[in-house]
């Protein structure tokens, strides 16, 4: 995928790997991007990412909301996130 503007920096952490600085998105941003490009990646990939991200505590619902709201995919993600969070309670 190609990103421009704020999408290049929001949720991106820079790591140094073998002397080279590499941009890597945080788990919440990665999950939101899976939902954003669900027609290409597949809804099953997005659902598994959401399930694993919450189960392994790699991200919080607030972080997911932040990235989903900025990329305008919150309305798509919301029912899935609510179902995952209500099942855990």
N, C-alpha and C. Protein backbone atom coordinates (compact mmCIF):
# COMPACT_ATOMS: atom_id res chain seq x y z
N UNK A 1 0.84 -1.18 0.00
CA UNK A 1 0.00 0.00 0.00
C UNK A 1 0.88 1.24 0.00
N UNK A 2 0.37 2.28 -0.53
CA UNK A 2 1.08 3.56 -0.53
C UNK A 2 0.31 4.55 0.32
N UNK A 3 1.03 5.27 1.15
CA UNK A 3 0.43 6.25 2.04
C UNK A 3 1.07 7.61 1.80
N UNK A 4 0.30 8.66 2.08
CA UNK A 4 0.82 10.02 1.96
C UNK A 4 0.45 10.81 3.21
N UNK A 5 1.10 11.93 3.38
CA UNK A 5 0.78 12.85 4.45
C UNK A 5 0.90 12.25 5.83
N UNK A 6 -0.12 12.47 6.65
CA UNK A 6 -0.12 12.04 8.04
C UNK A 6 -0.12 10.52 8.16
N UNK A 7 -0.62 9.82 7.16
CA UNK A 7 -0.64 8.36 7.19
C UNK A 7 0.76 7.76 7.23
N UNK A 8 1.74 8.52 6.79
CA UNK A 8 3.12 8.03 6.82
C UNK A 8 3.73 8.04 8.22
N UNK A 9 3.17 8.84 9.12
CA UNK A 9 3.77 8.98 10.44
C UNK A 9 2.89 8.51 11.59
N UNK A 10 1.58 8.50 11.41
CA UNK A 10 0.66 8.14 12.48
C UNK A 10 0.75 6.64 12.77
N UNK A 11 1.17 6.30 13.98
CA UNK A 11 1.30 4.90 14.38
C UNK A 11 2.54 4.21 13.85
N UNK A 12 3.50 4.99 13.38
CA UNK A 12 4.72 4.41 12.83
C UNK A 12 5.86 4.63 13.83
N UNK A 13 6.56 3.55 14.13
CA UNK A 13 7.71 3.59 15.03
C UNK A 13 8.94 3.23 14.21
N UNK A 14 10.01 3.95 14.40
CA UNK A 14 11.24 3.68 13.66
C UNK A 14 12.18 2.84 14.51
N UNK A 15 12.62 1.72 13.93
CA UNK A 15 13.55 0.81 14.61
C UNK A 15 14.83 0.73 13.80
N UNK A 16 15.92 0.52 14.49
CA UNK A 16 17.20 0.34 13.81
C UNK A 16 17.49 -1.15 13.74
N UNK A 17 17.57 -1.67 12.53
CA UNK A 17 17.84 -3.09 12.30
C UNK A 17 19.10 -3.19 11.46
N UNK A 18 20.12 -3.79 12.04
CA UNK A 18 21.42 -3.94 11.39
C UNK A 18 21.94 -2.62 10.81
N UNK A 19 21.77 -1.55 11.58
CA UNK A 19 22.29 -0.25 11.20
C UNK A 19 21.40 0.55 10.26
N UNK A 20 20.25 0.00 9.88
CA UNK A 20 19.34 0.68 8.96
C UNK A 20 18.06 1.03 9.72
N UNK A 21 17.63 2.29 9.61
CA UNK A 21 16.41 2.72 10.28
C UNK A 21 15.21 2.30 9.42
N UNK A 22 14.30 1.53 10.05
CA UNK A 22 13.16 0.95 9.34
C UNK A 22 11.86 1.42 9.99
N UNK A 23 10.90 1.94 9.21
CA UNK A 23 9.60 2.31 9.78
C UNK A 23 8.70 1.08 9.89
N UNK A 24 8.13 0.87 11.09
CA UNK A 24 7.24 -0.25 11.33
C UNK A 24 5.99 0.28 12.02
N UNK A 25 4.82 -0.12 11.54
CA UNK A 25 3.58 0.35 12.17
C UNK A 25 3.31 -0.43 13.44
N UNK A 26 2.69 0.26 14.41
CA UNK A 26 2.36 -0.42 15.67
C UNK A 26 1.19 -1.39 15.43
N UNK A 27 0.95 -2.31 16.37
CA UNK A 27 -0.09 -3.32 16.16
C UNK A 27 -1.48 -2.74 15.90
N UNK A 28 -1.88 -1.69 16.62
CA UNK A 28 -3.20 -1.11 16.42
C UNK A 28 -3.35 -0.56 15.00
N UNK A 29 -2.35 0.13 14.52
CA UNK A 29 -2.38 0.68 13.17
C UNK A 29 -2.44 -0.44 12.13
N UNK A 30 -1.70 -1.52 12.35
CA UNK A 30 -1.69 -2.65 11.43
C UNK A 30 -3.07 -3.29 11.34
N UNK A 31 -3.73 -3.48 12.48
CA UNK A 31 -5.06 -4.06 12.49
C UNK A 31 -6.06 -3.17 11.77
N UNK A 32 -5.99 -1.88 12.03
CA UNK A 32 -6.89 -0.93 11.35
C UNK A 32 -6.65 -0.95 9.85
N UNK A 33 -5.40 -1.03 9.43
CA UNK A 33 -5.10 -1.10 8.00
C UNK A 33 -5.64 -2.38 7.38
N UNK A 34 -5.65 -3.47 8.14
CA UNK A 34 -6.25 -4.72 7.64
C UNK A 34 -7.74 -4.54 7.38
N UNK A 35 -8.43 -3.84 8.28
CA UNK A 35 -9.85 -3.55 8.06
C UNK A 35 -10.03 -2.56 6.92
N UNK A 36 -9.15 -1.61 6.83
CA UNK A 36 -9.23 -0.60 5.77
C UNK A 36 -9.09 -1.23 4.39
N UNK A 37 -8.23 -2.22 4.28
CA UNK A 37 -8.00 -2.89 2.99
C UNK A 37 -8.52 -4.32 3.04
N UNK A 38 -9.67 -4.51 3.68
CA UNK A 38 -10.24 -5.84 3.86
C UNK A 38 -10.60 -6.53 2.56
N UNK A 39 -10.89 -5.77 1.50
CA UNK A 39 -11.20 -6.41 0.22
C UNK A 39 -9.96 -7.03 -0.40
N UNK A 40 -8.80 -6.47 -0.11
CA UNK A 40 -7.55 -7.01 -0.64
C UNK A 40 -6.94 -8.05 0.30
N UNK A 41 -6.94 -7.76 1.60
CA UNK A 41 -6.31 -8.66 2.58
C UNK A 41 -7.26 -9.77 3.01
N UNK A 42 -8.55 -9.49 3.01
CA UNK A 42 -9.54 -10.46 3.45
C UNK A 42 -10.05 -10.12 4.84
N UNK A 43 -11.35 -10.24 5.02
CA UNK A 43 -11.96 -9.95 6.32
C UNK A 43 -11.48 -10.93 7.38
N UNK A 44 -11.19 -12.16 6.99
CA UNK A 44 -10.70 -13.15 7.95
C UNK A 44 -9.34 -12.75 8.53
N UNK A 45 -8.50 -12.13 7.72
CA UNK A 45 -7.20 -11.65 8.19
C UNK A 45 -7.40 -10.52 9.20
N UNK A 46 -8.31 -9.59 8.88
CA UNK A 46 -8.60 -8.47 9.77
C UNK A 46 -9.17 -8.96 11.10
N UNK A 47 -10.09 -9.94 11.03
CA UNK A 47 -10.71 -10.47 12.25
C UNK A 47 -9.68 -11.19 13.12
N UNK A 48 -8.83 -11.98 12.51
CA UNK A 48 -7.81 -12.69 13.29
C UNK A 48 -6.82 -11.71 13.92
N UNK A 49 -6.45 -10.67 13.17
CA UNK A 49 -5.57 -9.64 13.72
C UNK A 49 -6.19 -8.96 14.92
N UNK A 50 -7.47 -8.63 14.81
CA UNK A 50 -8.19 -7.99 15.91
C UNK A 50 -8.24 -8.93 17.12
N UNK A 51 -8.59 -10.17 16.89
CA UNK A 51 -8.69 -11.16 17.97
C UNK A 51 -7.34 -11.33 18.68
N UNK A 52 -6.29 -11.52 17.91
CA UNK A 52 -4.96 -11.74 18.49
C UNK A 52 -4.43 -10.47 19.17
N UNK A 53 -4.66 -9.32 18.55
CA UNK A 53 -4.19 -8.07 19.13
C UNK A 53 -4.79 -7.80 20.49
N UNK A 54 -6.09 -8.08 20.63
CA UNK A 54 -6.75 -7.87 21.92
C UNK A 54 -6.40 -8.97 22.91
N UNK A 55 -6.37 -10.21 22.45
CA UNK A 55 -6.08 -11.35 23.33
C UNK A 55 -4.67 -11.27 23.91
N UNK A 56 -3.70 -10.92 23.08
CA UNK A 56 -2.31 -10.84 23.55
C UNK A 56 -1.94 -9.48 24.13
N UNK A 57 -2.94 -8.60 24.21
CA UNK A 57 -2.76 -7.25 24.77
C UNK A 57 -1.68 -6.45 24.04
N UNK A 58 -1.67 -6.59 22.73
CA UNK A 58 -0.73 -5.81 21.91
C UNK A 58 -1.27 -4.40 21.65
N UNK A 59 -2.60 -4.25 21.81
CA UNK A 59 -3.21 -2.94 21.61
C UNK A 59 -4.47 -2.86 22.46
N UNK A 60 -4.96 -1.65 22.63
CA UNK A 60 -6.17 -1.42 23.41
C UNK A 60 -7.28 -0.96 22.48
N UNK A 61 -8.54 -1.10 22.91
CA UNK A 61 -9.64 -0.56 22.10
C UNK A 61 -9.49 0.94 21.83
N UNK A 62 -8.93 1.68 22.76
CA UNK A 62 -8.73 3.12 22.56
C UNK A 62 -7.74 3.40 21.43
N UNK A 63 -6.66 2.63 21.37
CA UNK A 63 -5.68 2.80 20.29
C UNK A 63 -6.32 2.45 18.95
N UNK A 64 -7.10 1.38 18.94
CA UNK A 64 -7.80 0.99 17.70
C UNK A 64 -8.76 2.09 17.26
N UNK A 65 -9.52 2.64 18.22
CA UNK A 65 -10.45 3.71 17.90
C UNK A 65 -9.71 4.90 17.30
N UNK A 66 -8.60 5.26 17.90
CA UNK A 66 -7.82 6.42 17.43
C UNK A 66 -7.45 6.26 15.95
N UNK A 67 -6.87 5.13 15.60
CA UNK A 67 -6.44 4.93 14.22
C UNK A 67 -7.62 4.72 13.28
N UNK A 68 -8.65 4.02 13.74
CA UNK A 68 -9.83 3.77 12.90
C UNK A 68 -10.59 5.06 12.62
N UNK A 69 -10.67 5.92 13.62
CA UNK A 69 -11.36 7.20 13.44
C UNK A 69 -10.62 8.08 12.43
N UNK A 70 -9.30 8.10 12.51
CA UNK A 70 -8.50 8.93 11.60
C UNK A 70 -8.57 8.44 10.16
N UNK A 71 -8.70 7.12 9.98
CA UNK A 71 -8.74 6.57 8.62
C UNK A 71 -10.16 6.33 8.12
N UNK A 72 -11.13 6.75 8.90
CA UNK A 72 -12.55 6.66 8.55
C UNK A 72 -13.04 5.23 8.32
N UNK A 73 -12.51 4.31 9.11
CA UNK A 73 -12.94 2.92 9.00
C UNK A 73 -13.64 2.47 10.29
N UNK A 74 -13.88 3.41 11.21
CA UNK A 74 -14.49 3.09 12.49
C UNK A 74 -15.87 2.46 12.33
N UNK A 75 -16.67 2.96 11.42
CA UNK A 75 -18.02 2.41 11.26
C UNK A 75 -17.99 0.95 10.82
N UNK A 76 -16.97 0.56 10.11
CA UNK A 76 -16.82 -0.84 9.68
C UNK A 76 -16.30 -1.68 10.84
N UNK A 77 -15.33 -1.17 11.57
CA UNK A 77 -14.67 -1.91 12.64
C UNK A 77 -15.48 -2.03 13.92
N UNK A 78 -16.30 -1.05 14.18
CA UNK A 78 -17.00 -0.94 15.46
C UNK A 78 -17.76 -2.21 15.86
N UNK A 79 -18.60 -2.80 15.00
CA UNK A 79 -19.33 -4.00 15.44
C UNK A 79 -18.41 -5.16 15.81
N UNK A 80 -17.33 -5.33 15.07
CA UNK A 80 -16.39 -6.42 15.35
C UNK A 80 -15.66 -6.19 16.67
N UNK A 81 -15.25 -4.96 16.90
CA UNK A 81 -14.55 -4.62 18.14
C UNK A 81 -15.48 -4.77 19.34
N UNK A 82 -16.72 -4.31 19.21
CA UNK A 82 -17.67 -4.43 20.31
C UNK A 82 -17.95 -5.89 20.63
N UNK A 83 -18.06 -6.74 19.61
CA UNK A 83 -18.29 -8.16 19.84
C UNK A 83 -17.10 -8.80 20.56
N UNK A 84 -15.88 -8.43 20.15
CA UNK A 84 -14.68 -9.00 20.79
C UNK A 84 -14.57 -8.55 22.24
N UNK A 85 -14.84 -7.29 22.50
CA UNK A 85 -14.71 -6.76 23.86
C UNK A 85 -15.81 -7.30 24.76
N UNK A 86 -17.02 -7.44 24.25
CA UNK A 86 -18.12 -7.96 25.07
C UNK A 86 -17.93 -9.44 25.37
N UNK A 87 -17.31 -10.20 24.46
CA UNK A 87 -17.04 -11.62 24.71
C UNK A 87 -16.02 -11.80 25.81
N UNK A 88 -15.08 -10.86 25.93
CA UNK A 88 -14.02 -10.96 26.93
C UNK A 88 -14.52 -10.62 28.33
N UNK A 89 -15.63 -9.88 28.40
CA UNK A 89 -16.12 -9.45 29.71
C UNK A 89 -16.81 -10.51 30.48
